C-alpha cells in the first residue's frame, strides 16, 4: 500500500483511444497526471 503523500511507483497503461502505451515516468517534470477509474455509464455505482 502506498502512503498518502508518497511518490507513485512507475507504471504502464495502454490508451484505449490512441492504441499507445504510456508510462508515468514519461510525464515526470512535464505534466501533472491524474489517474481516474470511470465505471461504464450503464453499470450501477
N, C-alpha and C. Protein backbone atom coordinates (compact mmCIF):
# COMPACT_ATOMS: atom_id res chain seq x y z
N UNK A 1 0.83 -1.16 0.00
CA UNK A 1 0.00 0.00 0.00
C UNK A 1 0.88 1.24 0.00
N UNK A 2 0.47 2.25 -0.71
CA UNK A 2 1.22 3.50 -0.81
C UNK A 2 0.72 4.47 0.25
N UNK A 3 1.63 5.10 0.95
CA UNK A 3 1.28 6.09 1.96
C UNK A 3 0.84 7.39 1.29
N UNK A 4 -0.07 8.10 1.94
CA UNK A 4 -0.51 9.41 1.45
C UNK A 4 0.70 10.33 1.36
N UNK A 5 0.87 10.99 0.24
CA UNK A 5 1.99 11.90 0.04
C UNK A 5 3.24 11.25 -0.52
N UNK A 6 3.25 9.91 -0.62
CA UNK A 6 4.42 9.21 -1.17
C UNK A 6 4.44 9.32 -2.69
N UNK A 7 5.62 9.23 -3.26
CA UNK A 7 5.76 9.26 -4.71
C UNK A 7 5.17 7.98 -5.30
N UNK A 8 4.40 8.13 -6.36
CA UNK A 8 3.78 6.97 -7.01
C UNK A 8 4.84 6.16 -7.74
N UNK A 9 4.72 4.83 -7.71
CA UNK A 9 5.65 3.99 -8.47
C UNK A 9 5.38 4.13 -9.97
N UNK A 10 6.39 3.89 -10.76
CA UNK A 10 6.21 3.95 -12.21
C UNK A 10 5.32 2.79 -12.65
N UNK A 11 4.46 3.05 -13.61
CA UNK A 11 3.59 2.01 -14.15
C UNK A 11 3.31 2.30 -15.62
N UNK A 12 2.77 1.32 -16.32
CA UNK A 12 2.48 1.44 -17.75
C UNK A 12 1.00 1.17 -17.97
N UNK A 13 0.36 2.01 -18.79
CA UNK A 13 -1.04 1.83 -19.14
C UNK A 13 -1.21 1.97 -20.65
N UNK A 14 -2.15 1.21 -21.19
CA UNK A 14 -2.46 1.31 -22.62
C UNK A 14 -3.59 2.29 -22.82
N UNK A 15 -3.49 3.11 -23.85
CA UNK A 15 -4.55 4.04 -24.21
C UNK A 15 -5.58 3.32 -25.06
N UNK A 16 -6.83 3.46 -24.70
CA UNK A 16 -7.89 2.83 -25.49
C UNK A 16 -8.15 3.61 -26.77
N UNK A 17 -7.88 4.90 -26.77
CA UNK A 17 -8.18 5.72 -27.94
C UNK A 17 -7.04 5.74 -28.95
N UNK A 18 -5.82 5.88 -28.47
CA UNK A 18 -4.68 6.04 -29.37
C UNK A 18 -3.98 4.73 -29.69
N UNK A 19 -4.25 3.67 -28.92
CA UNK A 19 -3.57 2.41 -29.15
C UNK A 19 -2.11 2.45 -28.77
N UNK A 20 -1.72 3.40 -27.91
CA UNK A 20 -0.33 3.53 -27.47
C UNK A 20 -0.22 3.16 -26.00
N UNK A 21 1.00 2.93 -25.54
CA UNK A 21 1.25 2.70 -24.13
C UNK A 21 1.96 3.92 -23.56
N UNK A 22 1.59 4.25 -22.33
CA UNK A 22 2.18 5.39 -21.64
C UNK A 22 2.71 4.92 -20.30
N UNK A 23 3.81 5.53 -19.84
CA UNK A 23 4.34 5.27 -18.52
C UNK A 23 4.25 6.55 -17.70
N UNK A 24 4.10 6.41 -16.41
CA UNK A 24 4.04 7.58 -15.54
C UNK A 24 5.34 8.38 -15.64
N UNK A 25 6.45 7.69 -15.72
CA UNK A 25 7.75 8.37 -15.73
C UNK A 25 7.96 9.27 -16.95
N UNK A 26 7.28 9.00 -18.05
CA UNK A 26 7.48 9.85 -19.23
C UNK A 26 6.88 11.24 -19.06
N UNK A 27 6.02 11.44 -18.07
CA UNK A 27 5.42 12.74 -17.81
C UNK A 27 6.10 13.49 -16.67
N UNK A 28 7.05 12.85 -15.98
CA UNK A 28 7.70 13.46 -14.82
C UNK A 28 8.37 14.78 -15.19
N UNK A 29 8.01 15.81 -14.48
CA UNK A 29 8.57 17.14 -14.73
C UNK A 29 7.96 17.85 -15.92
N UNK A 30 7.05 17.20 -16.63
CA UNK A 30 6.45 17.79 -17.82
C UNK A 30 4.99 18.19 -17.60
N UNK A 31 4.21 17.28 -17.03
CA UNK A 31 2.77 17.49 -16.87
C UNK A 31 2.30 16.88 -15.56
N UNK A 32 1.19 17.39 -15.06
CA UNK A 32 0.54 16.75 -13.92
C UNK A 32 -0.26 15.56 -14.45
N UNK A 33 -0.34 14.51 -13.66
CA UNK A 33 -1.05 13.30 -14.08
C UNK A 33 -2.14 12.99 -13.06
N UNK A 34 -3.34 12.71 -13.57
CA UNK A 34 -4.44 12.28 -12.72
C UNK A 34 -4.98 10.99 -13.31
N UNK A 35 -5.00 9.94 -12.51
CA UNK A 35 -5.47 8.64 -12.94
C UNK A 35 -6.90 8.46 -12.42
N UNK A 36 -7.83 8.22 -13.34
CA UNK A 36 -9.25 8.13 -12.98
C UNK A 36 -9.80 6.80 -13.48
N UNK A 37 -10.52 6.11 -12.62
CA UNK A 37 -11.23 4.89 -13.00
C UNK A 37 -12.70 5.25 -13.10
N UNK A 38 -13.26 5.17 -14.28
CA UNK A 38 -14.64 5.57 -14.52
C UNK A 38 -15.46 4.34 -14.89
N UNK A 39 -16.49 4.03 -14.09
CA UNK A 39 -17.33 2.86 -14.44
C UNK A 39 -18.17 3.16 -15.68
N UNK A 40 -18.53 2.14 -16.37
CA UNK A 40 -19.35 2.32 -17.56
C UNK A 40 -20.67 2.98 -17.21
N UNK A 41 -21.22 3.75 -18.12
CA UNK A 41 -22.45 4.50 -17.85
C UNK A 41 -23.63 3.62 -17.49
N UNK A 42 -23.66 2.41 -17.98
CA UNK A 42 -24.81 1.56 -17.72
C UNK A 42 -24.63 0.61 -16.54
N UNK A 43 -23.57 0.81 -15.76
CA UNK A 43 -23.36 -0.03 -14.59
C UNK A 43 -23.81 0.69 -13.33
N UNK A 44 -24.31 -0.01 -12.35
CA UNK A 44 -24.69 0.66 -11.10
C UNK A 44 -23.45 1.12 -10.34
N UNK A 45 -23.54 2.26 -9.73
CA UNK A 45 -22.40 2.76 -8.94
C UNK A 45 -22.79 2.97 -7.51
